Amino acid sequence: MRYFIALALSFLSHAVWAQDWEDRQTFNEADATTSLRIISSTDTDLFAPLIEAFVAENPDVAIDYLVTETADIDRRFRNMPDAFDIAISSAMDLQFKLTNDGYALELQNVSHPAWAQWRQSLFAFTSEPAAIVINRAAFDGLPIPRTRQELIEALRARPEVFRGRVGTYDVRQSGLGYLFATQDARASETFWRLMEVMGGLDVQLYCCSGEMIDDLTDGTIAVAYNVLGSYAEARTESRNAFEIVLPSDFPTTMMRTAFVSKASAEPAAAERFIQFLVTYQSNPIDGTRLLPSLQDRDSGTERATIALEPALMTFLDALKRNKFTSEWENALIQN
């Protein structure tokens, strides 16, 4: 019986690595004696400077960095928590629930502000706003909308320009998209009016910020709603093609978070990585940080930043999630 259990576990482990990833890269594999497996929603090109800085200081550690969507991180981690040492995601609510459900290891030696961590187990390390990103050519000679209401008016005024050319997250697939949408809906009814207008214009739905920005840059879409501002800022080669708008009516800012798996085979090395992560994001070693720093709550950003607290799990309740998703579908999918 033990033989068959071991065989089944081995099969499952191989199945995890055989699955497709958005990206997978290994750092410092040749020289290391220890390997950390990190599952993350952050694009490799944005996170690579941090990993390279870490392995430069920790030459005994290799990093196997695997990229997938926020909702997929939650599913994979719950299925096989021992397959990964660290989980990094922009979906604060899903990360919080994984921590609350006992998947995260408590780290006593990581120093971090109380408001930016939860029970020494979940650690925030960036502050990143949800933005409206505008293709400049579509608004040539016209004012750029600075609020959601102004965006509604702009879309209604020229439906022939924007039909099929407005993009946002598909909240049924994207954990971050669902988080941003629920936070917006809690803040103002303007969100639902905007969703109805976008739905009437044959809105394009996306899994992630990168794909939205690709289509925005080449003119496939003219407006991307609730895209990660940090991803747009990183596109230096195409920044002249679009404008990043942080809505002035009610801003929404998420904190990207990380935790160590309680089932990690390398908890000491994983803890070293988390401490390095939160330190590096505040003081990058060589100035190559591509992700935004964690903004201090005393800096005036607390009004916009989603708090790391149990209220995050409110819309993860099955009944509330089904109700919200149904209302969202009714607003956006008007076929």
Protein backbone atom coordinates (compact mmCIF):
# COMPACT_ATOMS: atom_id res chain seq x y z
CA MET A 1 0.00 0.00 0.00
CA ARG A 2 2.82 2.40 0.90
CA TYR A 3 4.40 1.72 -2.49
CA PHE A 4 1.23 2.74 -4.34
CA ILE A 5 0.82 5.89 -2.21
CA ALA A 6 4.42 6.89 -2.94
CA LEU A 7 3.91 6.18 -6.63
CA ALA A 8 0.75 8.31 -6.68
CA LEU A 9 2.49 11.21 -4.94
CA SER A 10 5.40 10.96 -7.36
CA PHE A 11 2.99 11.05 -10.31
CA LEU A 12 1.23 14.11 -8.92
CA SER A 13 4.53 15.88 -8.33
CA HIS A 14 5.64 15.27 -11.91
CA ALA A 15 2.22 16.40 -13.15
CA VAL A 16 2.67 19.78 -11.43
CA TRP A 17 5.88 20.47 -13.34
CA ALA A 18 4.53 19.08 -16.62
CA GLN A 19 1.74 21.65 -16.68
CA ASP A 20 2.07 24.79 -18.77
CA TRP A 21 3.34 27.98 -17.17
CA GLU A 22 3.17 31.53 -18.50
CA ASP A 23 6.90 31.58 -17.89
CA ARG A 24 9.48 29.53 -15.99
CA GLN A 25 13.10 30.48 -15.36
CA THR A 26 15.82 29.16 -13.10
CA PHE A 27 18.42 31.40 -11.47
CA ASN A 28 21.82 30.33 -10.12
CA GLU A 29 21.22 26.64 -10.73
CA ALA A 30 24.89 25.73 -11.39
CA ASP A 31 26.40 26.91 -8.10
CA ALA A 32 23.64 26.37 -5.54
CA THR A 33 23.22 23.69 -2.88
CA THR A 34 19.65 24.73 -2.02
CA SER A 35 16.72 25.38 -4.37
CA LEU A 36 13.58 27.44 -3.77
CA ARG A 37 10.46 27.00 -5.88
CA ILE A 38 8.51 30.25 -6.19
CA ILE A 39 5.05 30.37 -7.75
CA SER A 40 4.16 33.93 -8.70
CA SER A 41 1.80 36.14 -10.69
CA THR A 42 4.52 38.74 -11.29
CA ASP A 43 6.06 38.76 -14.77
CA THR A 44 9.63 37.49 -14.74
CA ASP A 45 11.11 40.59 -16.37
CA LEU A 46 9.77 42.72 -13.50
CA PHE A 47 10.93 40.34 -10.76
CA ALA A 48 14.26 39.17 -12.20
CA PRO A 49 16.33 42.10 -10.83
CA LEU A 50 15.26 41.21 -7.31
CA ILE A 51 16.02 37.50 -7.76
CA GLU A 52 19.41 38.26 -9.29
CA ALA A 53 20.24 40.57 -6.38
CA PHE A 54 19.20 37.86 -3.91
CA VAL A 55 21.29 35.07 -5.44
CA ALA A 56 24.26 37.43 -5.66
CA GLU A 57 24.10 37.75 -1.86
CA ASN A 58 23.05 34.12 -1.38
CA PRO A 59 25.12 32.08 -3.86
CA ASP A 60 24.10 28.84 -2.13
CA VAL A 61 20.45 29.28 -3.24
CA ALA A 62 18.92 28.62 -6.66
CA ILE A 63 15.49 29.99 -7.59
CA ASP A 64 13.01 28.13 -9.77
CA TYR A 65 10.57 30.91 -10.68
CA LEU A 66 7.18 29.87 -12.10
CA VAL A 67 4.64 32.39 -13.39
CA THR A 68 0.89 31.86 -13.63
CA GLU A 69 -2.37 33.75 -13.05
CA THR A 70 -3.51 34.81 -9.58
CA ALA A 71 -6.50 32.45 -9.42
CA ASP A 72 -4.31 29.61 -10.70
CA ILE A 73 -1.81 30.19 -7.89
CA ASP A 74 -4.58 29.65 -5.36
CA ARG A 75 -5.77 26.43 -7.05
CA ARG A 76 -2.31 24.93 -7.50
CA PHE A 77 -1.19 25.79 -3.99
CA ARG A 78 -4.25 24.23 -2.39
CA ASN A 79 -3.80 21.08 -4.46
CA MET A 80 -0.09 20.63 -3.69
CA PRO A 81 1.28 23.04 -1.06
CA ASP A 82 4.50 21.01 -0.75
CA ALA A 83 5.29 21.66 -4.44
CA PHE A 84 6.23 25.29 -3.73
CA ASP A 85 8.29 27.11 -1.11
CA ILE A 86 6.96 30.63 -1.65
CA ALA A 87 3.77 32.10 -3.14
CA ILE A 88 3.74 35.66 -4.51
CA SER A 89 0.55 37.23 -5.82
CA SER A 90 -1.21 40.52 -6.46
CA ALA A 91 -4.55 38.99 -5.37
CA MET A 92 -4.44 40.06 -1.73
CA ASP A 93 -7.72 38.38 -0.86
CA LEU A 94 -6.71 34.94 -2.14
CA GLN A 95 -3.32 35.21 -0.44
CA PHE A 96 -4.98 36.25 2.81
CA LYS A 97 -7.36 33.30 2.70
CA LEU A 98 -4.53 30.84 2.01
CA THR A 99 -2.75 32.27 5.05
CA ASN A 100 -5.91 32.18 7.15
CA ASP A 101 -6.51 28.57 6.11
CA GLY A 102 -3.13 27.54 7.53
CA TYR A 103 -0.97 27.24 4.41
CA ALA A 104 1.59 29.90 5.42
CA LEU A 105 4.53 29.51 7.77
CA GLU A 106 4.92 32.00 10.63
CA LEU A 107 8.28 33.77 10.31
CA GLN A 108 9.55 35.17 13.60
CA ASN A 109 12.73 36.72 12.20
CA VAL A 110 11.24 38.91 9.44
CA SER A 111 11.00 42.54 10.47
CA HIS A 112 8.10 44.39 8.83
CA PRO A 113 5.49 47.05 9.79
CA ALA A 114 2.38 45.66 11.47
CA TRP A 115 0.05 47.16 8.84
CA ALA A 116 2.00 45.47 6.00
CA GLN A 117 1.92 41.91 7.35
CA TRP A 118 -0.55 39.50 8.86
CA ARG A 119 0.46 37.44 11.88
CA GLN A 120 4.08 37.28 10.71
CA SER A 121 2.92 34.97 7.91
CA LEU A 122 1.82 37.15 4.98
CA PHE A 123 4.01 40.07 3.92
CA ALA A 124 3.17 42.99 1.61
CA PHE A 125 6.07 44.42 -0.35
CA THR A 126 4.63 46.77 -3.01
CA SER A 127 1.86 49.35 -3.34
CA GLU A 128 0.38 49.32 -6.85
CA PRO A 129 -2.61 51.35 -8.06
CA ALA A 130 -5.33 50.20 -10.41
CA ALA A 131 -5.19 52.55 -13.37
CA ILE A 132 -7.15 53.57 -16.43
CA VAL A 133 -4.68 53.39 -19.30
CA ILE A 134 -5.58 55.40 -22.40
CA ASN A 135 -4.33 55.07 -25.97
CA ARG A 136 -3.42 58.67 -26.76
CA ALA A 137 -4.39 58.43 -30.44
CA ALA A 138 -8.00 57.64 -29.54
CA PHE A 139 -8.26 60.91 -27.60
CA ASP A 140 -6.28 63.11 -29.97
CA GLY A 141 -7.46 66.68 -29.49
CA LEU A 142 -9.86 65.66 -26.69
CA PRO A 143 -9.48 65.82 -22.90
CA ILE A 144 -8.26 62.64 -21.20
CA PRO A 145 -10.86 61.38 -18.65
CA ARG A 146 -9.61 61.66 -15.06
CA THR A 147 -12.51 60.04 -13.23
CA ARG A 148 -14.79 57.07 -13.86
CA GLN A 149 -17.69 59.43 -14.55
CA GLU A 150 -15.63 61.30 -17.15
CA LEU A 151 -14.74 57.96 -18.73
CA ILE A 152 -18.43 57.03 -18.89
CA GLU A 153 -19.20 60.33 -20.64
CA ALA A 154 -16.31 59.89 -23.10
CA LEU A 155 -17.41 56.37 -24.05
CA ARG A 156 -21.04 57.40 -24.48
CA ALA A 157 -20.10 60.38 -26.61
CA ARG A 158 -18.25 58.34 -29.27
CA PRO A 159 -19.51 54.75 -29.29
CA GLU A 160 -18.34 54.28 -32.88
CA VAL A 161 -14.73 54.86 -31.76
CA PHE A 162 -14.81 52.64 -28.68
CA ARG A 163 -16.98 49.71 -29.76
CA GLY A 164 -14.89 46.57 -29.25
CA ARG A 165 -11.95 48.70 -28.11
CA VAL A 166 -12.39 48.82 -24.31
CA GLY A 167 -10.68 46.19 -22.17
CA THR A 168 -10.79 45.05 -18.57
CA TYR A 169 -10.21 41.91 -16.49
CA ASP A 170 -12.44 38.88 -16.75
CA VAL A 171 -13.26 38.57 -13.05
CA ARG A 172 -14.31 34.94 -13.53
CA GLN A 173 -10.71 34.05 -14.37
CA SER A 174 -8.53 36.73 -12.78
CA GLY A 175 -8.09 36.81 -9.01
CA LEU A 176 -6.68 40.35 -9.15
CA GLY A 177 -9.47 41.46 -11.49
CA TYR A 178 -12.06 40.13 -9.03
CA LEU A 179 -10.34 41.91 -6.13
CA PHE A 180 -10.26 45.26 -7.96
CA ALA A 181 -13.85 44.92 -9.13
CA THR A 182 -15.26 44.09 -5.69
CA GLN A 183 -13.32 46.95 -4.10
CA ASP A 184 -14.61 49.37 -6.76
CA ALA A 185 -18.18 48.18 -6.29
CA ARG A 186 -17.92 48.74 -2.53
CA ALA A 187 -16.65 52.29 -3.10
CA SER A 188 -19.27 53.64 -5.52
CA GLU A 189 -22.25 52.81 -7.71
CA THR A 190 -20.35 54.52 -10.54
CA PHE A 191 -18.56 51.21 -11.04
CA TRP A 192 -21.76 49.45 -12.11
CA ARG A 193 -22.75 52.27 -14.46
CA LEU A 194 -19.33 52.04 -16.07
CA MET A 195 -19.63 48.27 -16.42
CA GLU A 196 -22.99 48.64 -18.21
CA VAL A 197 -21.56 51.22 -20.62
CA MET A 198 -18.54 49.02 -21.33
CA GLY A 199 -20.79 46.00 -21.82
CA GLY A 200 -22.85 47.93 -24.36
CA LEU A 201 -19.66 48.60 -26.30
CA ASP A 202 -18.69 44.93 -26.64
CA VAL A 203 -15.99 45.04 -23.96
CA GLN A 204 -12.89 42.86 -24.43
CA LEU A 205 -12.06 40.67 -21.42
CA TYR A 206 -8.53 39.73 -20.35
CA CYS A 207 -6.75 37.44 -17.94
CA CYS A 208 -3.97 39.83 -17.05
CA SER A 209 -2.48 43.30 -17.29
CA GLY A 210 0.30 42.38 -19.73
CA GLU A 211 -2.09 41.28 -22.48
CA MET A 212 -4.24 44.37 -22.04
CA ILE A 213 -1.21 46.65 -22.35
CA ASP A 214 -0.03 44.77 -25.46
CA ASP A 215 -3.38 45.40 -27.16
CA LEU A 216 -3.50 48.99 -25.93
CA THR A 217 -0.04 49.72 -27.33
CA ASP A 218 -0.82 48.46 -30.83
CA GLY A 219 -4.23 50.14 -30.93
CA THR A 220 -6.37 46.99 -30.72
CA ILE A 221 -8.07 48.60 -27.74
CA ALA A 222 -8.22 52.29 -26.81
CA VAL A 223 -8.96 52.03 -23.08
CA ALA A 224 -7.85 49.52 -20.44
CA TYR A 225 -9.73 49.72 -17.15
CA ASN A 226 -8.22 48.65 -13.80
CA VAL A 227 -4.93 47.63 -15.36
CA LEU A 228 -1.91 47.53 -13.02
CA GLY A 229 -0.20 50.89 -13.25
CA SER A 230 3.19 49.33 -12.48
CA TYR A 231 2.98 47.09 -15.57
CA ALA A 232 2.18 50.07 -17.77
CA GLU A 233 5.01 52.13 -16.24
CA ALA A 234 7.46 49.32 -17.04
CA ARG A 235 6.71 49.55 -20.79
CA THR A 236 9.23 52.30 -21.38
CA GLU A 237 9.58 51.44 -25.07
CA SER A 238 5.91 52.23 -25.74
CA ARG A 239 5.09 54.80 -23.06
CA ASN A 240 4.48 57.52 -25.67
CA ALA A 241 1.56 55.50 -27.06
CA PHE A 242 -0.55 55.66 -23.91
CA GLU A 243 -1.30 57.68 -20.80
CA ILE A 244 -1.68 56.24 -17.30
CA VAL A 245 -4.55 57.75 -15.32
CA LEU A 246 -4.98 57.18 -11.59
CA PRO A 247 -8.69 57.99 -11.11
CA SER A 248 -9.17 60.95 -8.81
CA ASP A 249 -12.71 60.02 -7.70
CA PHE A 250 -11.84 56.89 -5.67
CA PRO A 251 -8.38 55.39 -6.09
CA THR A 252 -7.76 51.68 -5.55
CA THR A 253 -4.30 50.42 -4.61
CA MET A 254 -3.37 46.84 -3.88
CA MET A 255 -0.34 45.51 -2.02
CA ARG A 256 1.50 42.59 -3.62
CA THR A 257 2.11 39.90 -1.00
CA ALA A 258 4.29 36.86 -0.35
CA PHE A 259 4.34 33.98 2.09
CA VAL A 260 6.38 30.84 2.82
CA SER A 261 4.58 27.52 2.52
CA LYS A 262 4.19 25.70 5.80
CA ALA A 263 5.09 22.57 3.81
CA SER A 264 8.32 24.08 2.41
CA ALA A 265 11.30 21.74 2.38
CA GLU A 266 13.63 24.77 2.73
CA PRO A 267 11.99 27.07 5.31
CA ALA A 268 15.24 28.77 6.41
CA ALA A 269 16.23 29.74 2.85
CA ALA A 270 12.65 30.79 2.09
CA GLU A 271 12.63 33.04 5.16
CA ARG A 272 15.90 34.60 4.00
CA PHE A 273 14.23 35.35 0.66
CA ILE A 274 11.20 37.02 2.29
CA GLN A 275 13.41 39.22 4.47
CA PHE A 276 15.46 40.16 1.43
CA LEU A 277 12.29 40.84 -0.55
CA VAL A 278 10.79 43.31 1.92
CA THR A 279 14.16 45.00 2.47
CA TYR A 280 15.11 45.25 -1.21
CA GLN A 281 11.78 46.78 -2.18
CA SER A 282 12.44 49.60 0.27
CA ASN A 283 16.11 50.05 -0.62
CA PRO A 284 17.11 48.45 -3.94
CA ILE A 285 20.79 47.59 -3.98
CA ASP A 286 21.64 48.97 -7.41
CA GLY A 287 18.61 51.08 -8.28
CA THR A 288 17.16 48.48 -10.66
CA ARG A 289 13.89 47.93 -8.82
CA LEU A 290 11.07 47.67 -11.38
CA LEU A 291 8.15 47.11 -9.01
CA PRO A 292 6.91 50.04 -6.91
CA SER A 293 8.00 50.31 -3.30
CA LEU A 294 5.66 49.77 -0.37
CA GLN A 295 4.20 53.18 0.46
CA ASP A 296 4.15 54.14 4.13
CA ARG A 297 0.63 54.63 5.48
CA ASP A 298 1.73 58.01 6.84
CA SER A 299 2.42 59.21 3.30
CA GLY A 300 -1.26 59.81 2.55
CA THR A 301 -1.87 56.63 0.54
CA GLU A 302 -3.87 54.84 3.26
CA ARG A 303 -7.18 56.12 1.85
CA ALA A 304 -6.49 54.31 -1.41
CA THR A 305 -4.74 51.17 -0.21
CA ILE A 306 -6.69 47.97 0.35
CA ALA A 307 -6.03 46.94 3.96
CA LEU A 308 -4.44 43.61 4.81
CA GLU A 309 -7.21 42.40 7.11
CA PRO A 310 -9.94 39.71 7.40
CA ALA A 311 -12.46 41.91 5.55
CA LEU A 312 -10.56 40.94 2.40
CA MET A 313 -12.27 37.55 2.52
CA THR A 314 -15.82 38.96 2.44
CA PHE A 315 -16.32 38.51 -1.31
CA LEU A 316 -14.64 35.09 -1.32
CA ASP A 317 -17.72 33.65 0.37
CA ALA A 318 -19.30 31.35 -2.23
CA LEU A 319 -22.75 32.97 -2.10
CA LYS A 320 -21.37 36.52 -2.30
CA ARG A 321 -18.99 35.54 -5.09
CA ASN A 322 -21.77 33.94 -7.15
CA LYS A 323 -24.02 36.96 -6.64
CA PHE A 324 -21.30 39.43 -7.59
CA THR A 325 -20.22 37.43 -10.65
CA SER A 326 -23.81 37.12 -11.82
CA GLU A 327 -24.35 40.89 -11.55
CA TRP A 328 -21.05 41.51 -13.33
CA GLU A 329 -22.05 39.15 -16.18
CA ASN A 330 -25.43 40.86 -16.51
CA ALA A 331 -23.71 44.24 -16.83
CA LEU A 332 -20.87 43.32 -19.19
CA ILE A 333 -22.07 40.41 -21.26
CA GLN A 334 -25.10 41.80 -23.07
CA ASN A 335 -25.43 39.35 -25.95
